[in-house]
Amino acid sequence: MAMIEVRWHGRGGQGAKTASQFLGEAALDTDKYIQAFPEYGPERAGAPMRSYTRISDTVITIHSSVTNPDIVVVIDPTLVGSIDVTEGLGDKGIILVNTDKSPKDIRKDLDFTKGRVATVDATKISLETLGIPMPNMPMLGALLKVNPLVTIDQLSERVKGKFLKKIGEEKTNANIEGIKRAYSEVKID
């Protein structure tokens, strides 16, 4: 695998940084080289922020933000139209948006004529599985459907390893259920 670069768009407190790190750490568990780091503007809850994940078979020598992502994940759908979430996305790029809209509607909203567009209602899934609007974990599941950077089982093991002691078995299992539901419910155009 050549290096894959993922840019995450969200707002402070929505879990973009955490999702980026989980993806990177799950890839690290498969002997890949990784980078996962956030980039904040005004550091406050609710402010737009970006996070990045790089995954590669070889040592990563780049130490800057992702400017030409292979995949863009938009956790907060209100960012579509308020910032250019497709900036730097190549002809074969993938954009994944947390929304109840169809991929065709998002493609039209973004005037995005290249690559692939995927959508999943990750907020709804998180409300139904976790009981709170925390769409970051379901977005990871959807991401693995559009590009299987790691397997669902590898990601689930990473989630268990990080969450079991921190939030308990019930909430850990609810997060994994959200990941699996989004994986199966994502729509791709």
N, C-alpha and C. Protein backbone atom coordinates (compact mmCIF):
# COMPACT_ATOMS: atom_id res chain seq x y z
N MET A 1 0.86 -1.18 0.00
CA MET A 1 0.00 0.00 0.00
C MET A 1 0.90 1.24 0.00
N ALA A 2 0.62 2.11 -0.93
CA ALA A 2 1.28 3.42 -0.90
C ALA A 2 0.71 4.17 0.31
N MET A 3 1.27 5.29 0.62
CA MET A 3 0.76 6.06 1.76
C MET A 3 -0.65 6.55 1.47
N ILE A 4 -1.52 6.39 2.44
CA ILE A 4 -2.89 6.90 2.38
C ILE A 4 -2.99 8.03 3.39
N GLU A 5 -3.54 9.17 2.95
CA GLU A 5 -3.69 10.32 3.82
C GLU A 5 -5.18 10.64 3.99
N VAL A 6 -5.59 10.77 5.24
CA VAL A 6 -6.98 11.06 5.57
C VAL A 6 -7.03 12.38 6.32
N ARG A 7 -7.95 13.26 5.89
CA ARG A 7 -8.19 14.51 6.60
C ARG A 7 -9.59 14.44 7.20
N TRP A 8 -9.68 14.72 8.48
CA TRP A 8 -10.94 14.70 9.22
C TRP A 8 -11.37 16.14 9.50
N HIS A 9 -12.64 16.43 9.25
CA HIS A 9 -13.21 17.74 9.59
C HIS A 9 -14.28 17.53 10.65
N GLY A 10 -14.20 18.31 11.71
CA GLY A 10 -15.20 18.26 12.75
C GLY A 10 -15.17 19.53 13.55
N ARG A 11 -15.79 19.49 14.69
CA ARG A 11 -15.75 20.60 15.63
C ARG A 11 -15.17 20.07 16.93
N GLY A 12 -14.53 20.95 17.68
CA GLY A 12 -13.94 20.54 18.94
C GLY A 12 -14.94 19.82 19.82
N GLY A 13 -14.57 18.66 20.31
CA GLY A 13 -15.45 17.89 21.17
C GLY A 13 -16.26 16.82 20.47
N GLN A 14 -16.17 16.73 19.13
CA GLN A 14 -16.93 15.72 18.39
C GLN A 14 -16.16 14.43 18.16
N GLY A 15 -14.90 14.41 18.52
CA GLY A 15 -14.15 13.16 18.44
C GLY A 15 -13.36 12.94 17.17
N ALA A 16 -13.13 13.97 16.36
CA ALA A 16 -12.32 13.80 15.14
C ALA A 16 -10.90 13.37 15.49
N LYS A 17 -10.34 13.99 16.52
CA LYS A 17 -8.98 13.62 16.95
C LYS A 17 -8.94 12.17 17.41
N THR A 18 -9.91 11.77 18.20
CA THR A 18 -9.97 10.40 18.69
C THR A 18 -10.12 9.40 17.55
N ALA A 19 -11.01 9.68 16.60
CA ALA A 19 -11.21 8.79 15.46
C ALA A 19 -9.93 8.66 14.64
N SER A 20 -9.28 9.78 14.42
CA SER A 20 -8.01 9.78 13.67
C SER A 20 -6.98 8.89 14.37
N GLN A 21 -6.90 9.01 15.67
CA GLN A 21 -5.93 8.22 16.43
C GLN A 21 -6.29 6.74 16.44
N PHE A 22 -7.57 6.41 16.59
CA PHE A 22 -7.98 5.01 16.57
C PHE A 22 -7.64 4.36 15.23
N LEU A 23 -7.90 5.06 14.15
CA LEU A 23 -7.57 4.52 12.83
C LEU A 23 -6.07 4.28 12.71
N GLY A 24 -5.28 5.26 13.10
CA GLY A 24 -3.83 5.12 13.03
C GLY A 24 -3.33 3.99 13.91
N GLU A 25 -3.83 3.90 15.13
CA GLU A 25 -3.36 2.86 16.05
C GLU A 25 -3.78 1.47 15.59
N ALA A 26 -4.96 1.34 14.99
CA ALA A 26 -5.38 0.04 14.45
C ALA A 26 -4.46 -0.37 13.30
N ALA A 27 -4.04 0.59 12.48
CA ALA A 27 -3.10 0.31 11.39
C ALA A 27 -1.72 -0.03 11.95
N LEU A 28 -1.32 0.65 13.01
CA LEU A 28 -0.04 0.36 13.67
C LEU A 28 -0.02 -1.09 14.16
N ASP A 29 -1.14 -1.57 14.64
CA ASP A 29 -1.25 -2.95 15.11
C ASP A 29 -1.03 -3.96 13.97
N THR A 30 -1.15 -3.51 12.72
CA THR A 30 -0.92 -4.39 11.56
C THR A 30 0.45 -4.13 10.94
N ASP A 31 1.34 -3.52 11.72
CA ASP A 31 2.72 -3.27 11.31
C ASP A 31 2.87 -2.21 10.22
N LYS A 32 1.93 -1.29 10.17
CA LYS A 32 2.05 -0.15 9.25
C LYS A 32 2.72 1.00 10.00
N TYR A 33 3.24 1.94 9.25
CA TYR A 33 3.74 3.18 9.82
C TYR A 33 2.58 4.16 9.82
N ILE A 34 2.49 4.95 10.87
CA ILE A 34 1.33 5.84 10.97
C ILE A 34 1.72 7.21 11.54
N GLN A 35 0.86 8.17 11.26
CA GLN A 35 0.84 9.47 11.94
C GLN A 35 -0.63 9.79 12.17
N ALA A 36 -0.94 10.33 13.32
CA ALA A 36 -2.30 10.78 13.62
C ALA A 36 -2.19 11.97 14.56
N PHE A 37 -2.70 13.11 14.09
CA PHE A 37 -2.55 14.33 14.90
C PHE A 37 -3.62 15.35 14.54
N PRO A 38 -3.98 16.19 15.50
CA PRO A 38 -4.99 17.23 15.26
C PRO A 38 -4.36 18.56 14.86
N GLU A 39 -5.21 19.42 14.32
CA GLU A 39 -4.83 20.81 14.04
C GLU A 39 -6.02 21.66 14.47
N TYR A 40 -5.80 22.50 15.43
CA TYR A 40 -6.88 23.32 15.98
C TYR A 40 -6.76 24.76 15.53
N GLY A 41 -7.90 25.40 15.42
CA GLY A 41 -7.92 26.86 15.27
C GLY A 41 -8.10 27.40 16.68
N PRO A 42 -9.12 28.22 16.89
CA PRO A 42 -9.39 28.67 18.26
C PRO A 42 -9.73 27.44 19.11
N GLU A 43 -8.97 27.21 20.15
CA GLU A 43 -9.12 25.98 20.91
C GLU A 43 -10.28 26.07 21.88
N ARG A 44 -11.46 25.78 21.36
CA ARG A 44 -12.64 25.76 22.22
C ARG A 44 -13.61 24.73 21.66
N ALA A 45 -14.43 24.21 22.53
CA ALA A 45 -15.44 23.24 22.10
C ALA A 45 -16.35 23.90 21.07
N GLY A 46 -16.61 23.18 20.01
CA GLY A 46 -17.50 23.68 18.97
C GLY A 46 -16.80 24.42 17.84
N ALA A 47 -15.53 24.74 18.00
CA ALA A 47 -14.79 25.42 16.93
C ALA A 47 -14.38 24.41 15.86
N PRO A 48 -14.42 24.81 14.56
CA PRO A 48 -13.98 23.89 13.52
C PRO A 48 -12.53 23.47 13.74
N MET A 49 -12.27 22.20 13.50
CA MET A 49 -10.90 21.68 13.63
C MET A 49 -10.68 20.58 12.60
N ARG A 50 -9.42 20.29 12.40
CA ARG A 50 -9.03 19.22 11.48
C ARG A 50 -8.14 18.24 12.23
N SER A 51 -8.19 17.02 11.79
CA SER A 51 -7.28 16.02 12.30
C SER A 51 -6.81 15.22 11.09
N TYR A 52 -5.68 14.57 11.23
CA TYR A 52 -5.07 13.89 10.09
C TYR A 52 -4.61 12.49 10.47
N THR A 53 -4.67 11.59 9.50
CA THR A 53 -4.12 10.25 9.66
C THR A 53 -3.34 9.92 8.40
N ARG A 54 -2.12 9.42 8.60
CA ARG A 54 -1.32 8.89 7.50
C ARG A 54 -1.02 7.43 7.83
N ILE A 55 -1.16 6.57 6.81
CA ILE A 55 -0.88 5.14 6.97
C ILE A 55 -0.02 4.72 5.78
N SER A 56 1.09 4.02 6.07
CA SER A 56 2.02 3.65 5.01
C SER A 56 2.74 2.34 5.34
N ASP A 57 3.20 1.65 4.29
CA ASP A 57 4.03 0.46 4.47
C ASP A 57 5.48 0.84 4.75
N THR A 58 5.83 2.08 4.45
CA THR A 58 7.21 2.53 4.64
C THR A 58 7.24 3.71 5.60
N VAL A 59 8.42 4.03 6.09
CA VAL A 59 8.59 5.13 7.03
C VAL A 59 8.01 6.42 6.43
N ILE A 60 7.28 7.16 7.24
CA ILE A 60 6.68 8.41 6.81
C ILE A 60 7.64 9.54 7.18
N THR A 61 8.08 10.28 6.18
CA THR A 61 9.05 11.35 6.42
C THR A 61 8.43 12.74 6.34
N ILE A 62 7.14 12.80 6.05
CA ILE A 62 6.44 14.09 5.99
C ILE A 62 6.02 14.47 7.41
N HIS A 63 6.20 15.73 7.77
CA HIS A 63 5.80 16.19 9.10
C HIS A 63 5.04 17.50 8.97
N SER A 64 3.92 17.43 8.26
CA SER A 64 3.08 18.62 8.07
C SER A 64 1.63 18.15 7.95
N SER A 65 0.71 19.08 7.91
CA SER A 65 -0.69 18.71 7.75
C SER A 65 -0.92 18.11 6.37
N VAL A 66 -2.03 17.44 6.22
CA VAL A 66 -2.39 16.78 4.96
C VAL A 66 -3.04 17.82 4.05
N THR A 67 -2.39 18.10 2.92
CA THR A 67 -2.93 19.09 1.99
C THR A 67 -3.59 18.45 0.77
N ASN A 68 -3.22 17.23 0.43
CA ASN A 68 -3.82 16.52 -0.71
C ASN A 68 -4.30 15.14 -0.25
N PRO A 69 -5.39 15.12 0.51
CA PRO A 69 -5.86 13.86 1.09
C PRO A 69 -6.40 12.89 0.03
N ASP A 70 -6.29 11.62 0.36
CA ASP A 70 -6.93 10.58 -0.45
C ASP A 70 -8.39 10.45 -0.04
N ILE A 71 -8.63 10.70 1.25
CA ILE A 71 -9.97 10.57 1.83
C ILE A 71 -10.21 11.77 2.75
N VAL A 72 -11.42 12.33 2.67
CA VAL A 72 -11.85 13.37 3.59
C VAL A 72 -13.07 12.85 4.33
N VAL A 73 -13.03 12.95 5.66
CA VAL A 73 -14.15 12.53 6.50
C VAL A 73 -14.71 13.77 7.18
N VAL A 74 -16.01 14.03 6.97
CA VAL A 74 -16.67 15.19 7.56
C VAL A 74 -17.62 14.70 8.64
N ILE A 75 -17.20 14.90 9.90
CA ILE A 75 -18.00 14.45 11.04
C ILE A 75 -19.17 15.39 11.29
N ASP A 76 -18.96 16.69 11.08
CA ASP A 76 -20.02 17.68 11.32
C ASP A 76 -20.55 18.18 9.99
N PRO A 77 -21.78 17.79 9.62
CA PRO A 77 -22.33 18.18 8.31
C PRO A 77 -22.53 19.68 8.14
N THR A 78 -22.56 20.46 9.24
CA THR A 78 -22.71 21.91 9.10
C THR A 78 -21.46 22.55 8.49
N LEU A 79 -20.37 21.80 8.44
CA LEU A 79 -19.15 22.33 7.82
C LEU A 79 -19.22 22.29 6.29
N VAL A 80 -20.09 21.44 5.75
CA VAL A 80 -20.28 21.39 4.30
C VAL A 80 -20.91 22.71 3.87
N GLY A 81 -20.23 23.44 3.04
CA GLY A 81 -20.72 24.73 2.58
C GLY A 81 -20.15 25.90 3.36
N SER A 82 -19.72 25.67 4.61
CA SER A 82 -19.14 26.78 5.37
C SER A 82 -17.62 26.82 5.23
N ILE A 83 -17.00 25.68 4.94
CA ILE A 83 -15.57 25.63 4.61
C ILE A 83 -15.41 24.69 3.42
N ASP A 84 -14.29 24.78 2.72
CA ASP A 84 -14.06 23.94 1.55
C ASP A 84 -13.50 22.59 2.00
N VAL A 85 -14.39 21.65 2.29
CA VAL A 85 -13.96 20.34 2.77
C VAL A 85 -13.31 19.50 1.66
N THR A 86 -13.51 19.88 0.40
CA THR A 86 -12.90 19.13 -0.71
C THR A 86 -11.53 19.68 -1.12
N GLU A 87 -11.06 20.70 -0.44
CA GLU A 87 -9.78 21.33 -0.78
C GLU A 87 -8.67 20.28 -0.88
N GLY A 88 -7.99 20.26 -2.03
CA GLY A 88 -6.86 19.37 -2.24
C GLY A 88 -7.21 17.93 -2.55
N LEU A 89 -8.49 17.59 -2.56
CA LEU A 89 -8.91 16.21 -2.83
C LEU A 89 -8.73 15.91 -4.31
N GLY A 90 -8.00 14.84 -4.62
CA GLY A 90 -7.66 14.50 -6.00
C GLY A 90 -8.80 13.88 -6.79
N ASP A 91 -8.51 13.58 -8.05
CA ASP A 91 -9.51 13.03 -8.96
C ASP A 91 -10.07 11.69 -8.49
N LYS A 92 -9.28 10.92 -7.76
CA LYS A 92 -9.73 9.63 -7.26
C LYS A 92 -10.07 9.68 -5.77
N GLY A 93 -10.18 10.89 -5.24
CA GLY A 93 -10.43 11.07 -3.82
C GLY A 93 -11.82 10.61 -3.40
N ILE A 94 -11.95 10.40 -2.11
CA ILE A 94 -13.21 9.96 -1.52
C ILE A 94 -13.58 10.98 -0.45
N ILE A 95 -14.85 11.41 -0.46
CA ILE A 95 -15.34 12.25 0.63
C ILE A 95 -16.49 11.51 1.30
N LEU A 96 -16.41 11.42 2.61
CA LEU A 96 -17.40 10.72 3.43
C LEU A 96 -18.01 11.74 4.39
N VAL A 97 -19.34 11.89 4.33
CA VAL A 97 -20.01 12.92 5.13
C VAL A 97 -21.06 12.29 6.05
N ASN A 98 -21.07 12.74 7.29
CA ASN A 98 -22.10 12.36 8.26
C ASN A 98 -23.35 13.19 7.95
N THR A 99 -24.32 12.56 7.33
CA THR A 99 -25.54 13.26 6.94
C THR A 99 -26.63 12.24 6.61
N ASP A 100 -27.88 12.71 6.64
CA ASP A 100 -28.97 11.84 6.17
C ASP A 100 -29.23 12.05 4.68
N LYS A 101 -28.45 12.93 4.05
CA LYS A 101 -28.59 13.17 2.62
C LYS A 101 -27.95 12.04 1.82
N SER A 102 -28.35 11.93 0.57
CA SER A 102 -27.77 10.92 -0.32
C SER A 102 -26.41 11.39 -0.83
N PRO A 103 -25.57 10.45 -1.28
CA PRO A 103 -24.30 10.84 -1.87
C PRO A 103 -24.49 11.80 -3.07
N LYS A 104 -25.53 11.58 -3.86
CA LYS A 104 -25.78 12.46 -5.02
C LYS A 104 -26.10 13.88 -4.57
N ASP A 105 -26.88 14.02 -3.48
CA ASP A 105 -27.20 15.35 -2.97
C ASP A 105 -25.94 16.05 -2.44
N ILE A 106 -25.09 15.32 -1.73
CA ILE A 106 -23.85 15.91 -1.20
C ILE A 106 -22.92 16.27 -2.35
N ARG A 107 -22.84 15.41 -3.36
CA ARG A 107 -22.01 15.72 -4.53
C ARG A 107 -22.46 17.05 -5.15
N LYS A 108 -23.78 17.22 -5.25
CA LYS A 108 -24.34 18.46 -5.81
C LYS A 108 -24.06 19.64 -4.88
N ASP A 109 -24.27 19.46 -3.57
CA ASP A 109 -24.02 20.54 -2.60
C ASP A 109 -22.57 21.01 -2.65
N LEU A 110 -21.65 20.07 -2.86
CA LEU A 110 -20.22 20.40 -2.87
C LEU A 110 -19.71 20.76 -4.26
N ASP A 111 -20.56 20.55 -5.29
CA ASP A 111 -20.12 20.71 -6.67
C ASP A 111 -18.84 19.89 -6.90
N PHE A 112 -18.90 18.65 -6.44
CA PHE A 112 -17.76 17.74 -6.50
C PHE A 112 -18.01 16.75 -7.63
N THR A 113 -17.28 16.90 -8.73
CA THR A 113 -17.55 16.10 -9.93
C THR A 113 -16.61 14.92 -10.10
N LYS A 114 -15.63 14.78 -9.22
CA LYS A 114 -14.66 13.70 -9.38
C LYS A 114 -14.78 12.71 -8.23
N GLY A 115 -13.97 11.70 -8.22
CA GLY A 115 -13.88 10.79 -7.09
C GLY A 115 -15.18 10.14 -6.68
N ARG A 116 -15.23 9.73 -5.42
CA ARG A 116 -16.42 9.08 -4.88
C ARG A 116 -16.95 9.88 -3.68
N VAL A 117 -18.25 9.80 -3.51
CA VAL A 117 -18.91 10.46 -2.38
C VAL A 117 -19.67 9.39 -1.61
N ALA A 118 -19.52 9.41 -0.29
CA ALA A 118 -20.22 8.46 0.57
C ALA A 118 -20.90 9.23 1.70
N THR A 119 -22.04 8.73 2.12
CA THR A 119 -22.76 9.35 3.23
C THR A 119 -23.26 8.27 4.18
N VAL A 120 -23.37 8.65 5.43
CA VAL A 120 -23.95 7.78 6.45
C VAL A 120 -24.50 8.69 7.55
N ASP A 121 -25.63 8.33 8.12
CA ASP A 121 -26.20 9.12 9.20
C ASP A 121 -25.60 8.64 10.53
N ALA A 122 -24.35 9.03 10.76
CA ALA A 122 -23.60 8.58 11.93
C ALA A 122 -24.17 9.17 13.22
N THR A 123 -24.75 10.35 13.16
CA THR A 123 -25.35 10.93 14.36
C THR A 123 -26.54 10.09 14.80
N LYS A 124 -27.38 9.71 13.86
CA LYS A 124 -28.53 8.86 14.17
C LYS A 124 -28.06 7.52 14.75
N ILE A 125 -27.06 6.93 14.13
CA ILE A 125 -26.54 5.65 14.60
C ILE A 125 -26.01 5.79 16.03
N SER A 126 -25.26 6.84 16.30
CA SER A 126 -24.70 7.01 17.65
C SER A 126 -25.81 7.25 18.68
N LEU A 127 -26.85 7.98 18.30
CA LEU A 127 -27.97 8.18 19.21
C LEU A 127 -28.67 6.86 19.53
N GLU A 128 -28.80 6.01 18.49
CA GLU A 128 -29.50 4.73 18.68
C GLU A 128 -28.65 3.68 19.39
N THR A 129 -27.33 3.76 19.28
CA THR A 129 -26.47 2.76 19.91
C THR A 129 -25.90 3.23 21.25
N LEU A 130 -25.44 4.48 21.30
CA LEU A 130 -24.82 5.03 22.51
C LEU A 130 -25.77 5.86 23.37
N GLY A 131 -26.79 6.41 22.72
CA GLY A 131 -27.71 7.28 23.43
C GLY A 131 -27.27 8.73 23.46
N ILE A 132 -26.15 9.05 22.78
CA ILE A 132 -25.66 10.43 22.71
C ILE A 132 -25.20 10.71 21.27
N PRO A 133 -25.22 11.99 20.86
CA PRO A 133 -24.77 12.33 19.50
C PRO A 133 -23.25 12.41 19.41
N MET A 134 -22.59 11.26 19.30
CA MET A 134 -21.12 11.20 19.19
C MET A 134 -20.80 10.34 17.96
N PRO A 135 -20.79 10.97 16.77
CA PRO A 135 -20.72 10.22 15.51
C PRO A 135 -19.32 9.76 15.09
N ASN A 136 -18.29 10.03 15.88
CA ASN A 136 -16.94 9.72 15.41
C ASN A 136 -16.69 8.23 15.19
N MET A 137 -17.15 7.37 16.09
CA MET A 137 -16.91 5.93 15.93
C MET A 137 -17.70 5.36 14.74
N PRO A 138 -18.99 5.70 14.59
CA PRO A 138 -19.66 5.24 13.38
C PRO A 138 -18.98 5.71 12.08
N MET A 139 -18.43 6.92 12.11
CA MET A 139 -17.73 7.40 10.91
C MET A 139 -16.52 6.53 10.58
N LEU A 140 -15.87 5.99 11.61
CA LEU A 140 -14.76 5.06 11.37
C LEU A 140 -15.25 3.81 10.64
N GLY A 141 -16.38 3.29 11.08
CA GLY A 141 -16.94 2.11 10.41
C GLY A 141 -17.25 2.38 8.95
N ALA A 142 -17.86 3.53 8.68
CA ALA A 142 -18.18 3.90 7.30
C ALA A 142 -16.91 4.06 6.48
N LEU A 143 -15.89 4.67 7.09
CA LEU A 143 -14.60 4.85 6.39
C LEU A 143 -14.02 3.51 5.96
N LEU A 144 -14.10 2.51 6.83
CA LEU A 144 -13.53 1.20 6.50
C LEU A 144 -14.30 0.51 5.37
N LYS A 145 -15.56 0.89 5.18
CA LYS A 145 -16.32 0.35 4.04
C LYS A 145 -15.84 0.99 2.73
N VAL A 146 -15.59 2.30 2.75
CA VAL A 146 -15.16 2.98 1.52
C VAL A 146 -13.69 2.72 1.20
N ASN A 147 -12.89 2.43 2.23
CA ASN A 147 -11.48 2.06 2.02
C ASN A 147 -11.04 1.19 3.19
N PRO A 148 -10.89 -0.11 2.97
CA PRO A 148 -10.57 -1.03 4.08
C PRO A 148 -9.12 -0.91 4.54
N LEU A 149 -8.80 0.20 5.17
CA LEU A 149 -7.43 0.45 5.65
C LEU A 149 -7.03 -0.54 6.73
N VAL A 150 -8.00 -0.95 7.55
CA VAL A 150 -7.86 -2.04 8.51
C VAL A 150 -9.20 -2.76 8.51
N THR A 151 -9.27 -3.91 9.16
CA THR A 151 -10.54 -4.63 9.22
C THR A 151 -11.38 -4.13 10.39
N ILE A 152 -12.66 -4.43 10.32
CA ILE A 152 -13.56 -4.09 11.44
C ILE A 152 -13.07 -4.77 12.71
N ASP A 153 -12.61 -6.01 12.60
CA ASP A 153 -12.13 -6.73 13.79
C ASP A 153 -10.89 -6.06 14.39
N GLN A 154 -9.97 -5.61 13.53
CA GLN A 154 -8.78 -4.92 14.03
C GLN A 154 -9.17 -3.62 14.74
N LEU A 155 -10.08 -2.86 14.15
CA LEU A 155 -10.54 -1.63 14.77
C LEU A 155 -11.27 -1.92 16.08
N SER A 156 -12.12 -2.94 16.08
CA SER A 156 -12.87 -3.31 17.28
C SER A 156 -11.93 -3.68 18.43
N GLU A 157 -10.87 -4.40 18.13
CA GLU A 157 -9.89 -4.76 19.16
C GLU A 157 -9.22 -3.52 19.73
N ARG A 158 -8.90 -2.56 18.87
CA ARG A 158 -8.28 -1.31 19.32
C ARG A 158 -9.26 -0.55 20.22
N VAL A 159 -10.54 -0.50 19.83
CA VAL A 159 -11.55 0.19 20.62
C VAL A 159 -11.69 -0.49 21.99
N LYS A 160 -11.74 -1.82 21.99
CA LYS A 160 -11.84 -2.55 23.28
C LYS A 160 -10.63 -2.23 24.16
N GLY A 161 -9.45 -2.27 23.57
CA GLY A 161 -8.23 -2.02 24.33
C GLY A 161 -8.18 -0.64 24.95
N LYS A 162 -8.74 0.35 24.26
CA LYS A 162 -8.71 1.74 24.74
C LYS A 162 -9.89 2.08 25.64
N PHE A 163 -11.06 1.52 25.34
CA PHE A 163 -12.29 1.96 26.00
C PHE A 163 -12.75 1.13 27.19
N LEU A 164 -12.45 -0.17 27.22
CA LEU A 164 -13.03 -1.03 28.26
C LEU A 164 -12.83 -0.47 29.67
N LYS A 165 -11.61 -0.14 30.03
CA LYS A 165 -11.35 0.36 31.39
C LYS A 165 -11.88 1.79 31.57
N LYS A 166 -11.86 2.56 30.48
CA LYS A 166 -12.23 3.97 30.56
C LYS A 166 -13.74 4.18 30.67
N ILE A 167 -14.51 3.47 29.83
CA ILE A 167 -15.96 3.73 29.79
C ILE A 167 -16.81 2.50 30.08
N GLY A 168 -16.19 1.34 30.28
CA GLY A 168 -16.93 0.13 30.63
C GLY A 168 -17.36 -0.68 29.43
N GLU A 169 -17.78 -1.90 29.72
CA GLU A 169 -18.11 -2.86 28.66
C GLU A 169 -19.35 -2.45 27.85
N GLU A 170 -20.38 -1.96 28.53
CA GLU A 170 -21.63 -1.62 27.83
C GLU A 170 -21.41 -0.52 26.78
N LYS A 171 -20.74 0.56 27.17
CA LYS A 171 -20.51 1.66 26.23
C LYS A 171 -19.48 1.27 25.17
N THR A 172 -18.50 0.45 25.54
CA THR A 172 -17.53 -0.03 24.56
C THR A 172 -18.24 -0.84 23.49
N ASN A 173 -19.10 -1.76 23.92
CA ASN A 173 -19.85 -2.58 22.96
C ASN A 173 -20.80 -1.73 22.11
N ALA A 174 -21.37 -0.69 22.71
CA ALA A 174 -22.25 0.20 21.96
C ALA A 174 -21.47 0.94 20.87
N ASN A 175 -20.23 1.36 21.18
CA ASN A 175 -19.38 1.99 20.17
C ASN A 175 -19.07 1.02 19.03
N ILE A 176 -18.75 -0.21 19.36
CA ILE A 176 -18.45 -1.21 18.33
C ILE A 176 -19.69 -1.50 17.48
N GLU A 177 -20.85 -1.56 18.13
CA GLU A 177 -22.10 -1.74 17.38
C GLU A 177 -22.31 -0.58 16.40
N GLY A 178 -22.02 0.64 16.84
CA GLY A 178 -22.15 1.82 15.96
C GLY A 178 -21.20 1.74 14.78
N ILE A 179 -19.98 1.28 15.03
CA ILE A 179 -19.00 1.10 13.95
C ILE A 179 -19.53 0.11 12.91
N LYS A 180 -20.03 -1.01 13.39
CA LYS A 180 -20.52 -2.06 12.48
C LYS A 180 -21.77 -1.63 11.72
N ARG A 181 -22.67 -0.91 12.41
CA ARG A 181 -23.87 -0.43 11.73
C ARG A 181 -23.52 0.56 10.62
N ALA A 182 -22.63 1.50 10.91
CA ALA A 182 -22.25 2.48 9.88
C ALA A 182 -21.56 1.79 8.70
N TYR A 183 -20.76 0.79 8.98
CA TYR A 183 -20.11 0.00 7.93
C TYR A 183 -21.15 -0.58 6.98
N SER A 184 -22.24 -1.09 7.53
CA SER A 184 -23.25 -1.71 6.69
C SER A 184 -24.25 -0.71 6.10
N GLU A 185 -24.39 0.48 6.71
CA GLU A 185 -25.40 1.44 6.25
C GLU A 185 -24.86 2.54 5.35
N VAL A 186 -23.55 2.67 5.21
CA VAL A 186 -22.97 3.74 4.39
C VAL A 186 -23.44 3.59 2.93
N LYS A 187 -23.72 4.73 2.30
CA LYS A 187 -24.13 4.75 0.89
C LYS A 187 -22.99 5.38 0.08
N ILE A 188 -22.63 4.76 -1.04
CA ILE A 188 -21.49 5.22 -1.84
C ILE A 188 -21.92 5.49 -3.26
N ASP A 189 -21.49 6.65 -3.80
CA ASP A 189 -21.78 7.02 -5.20
C ASP A 189 -20.45 7.10 -5.94
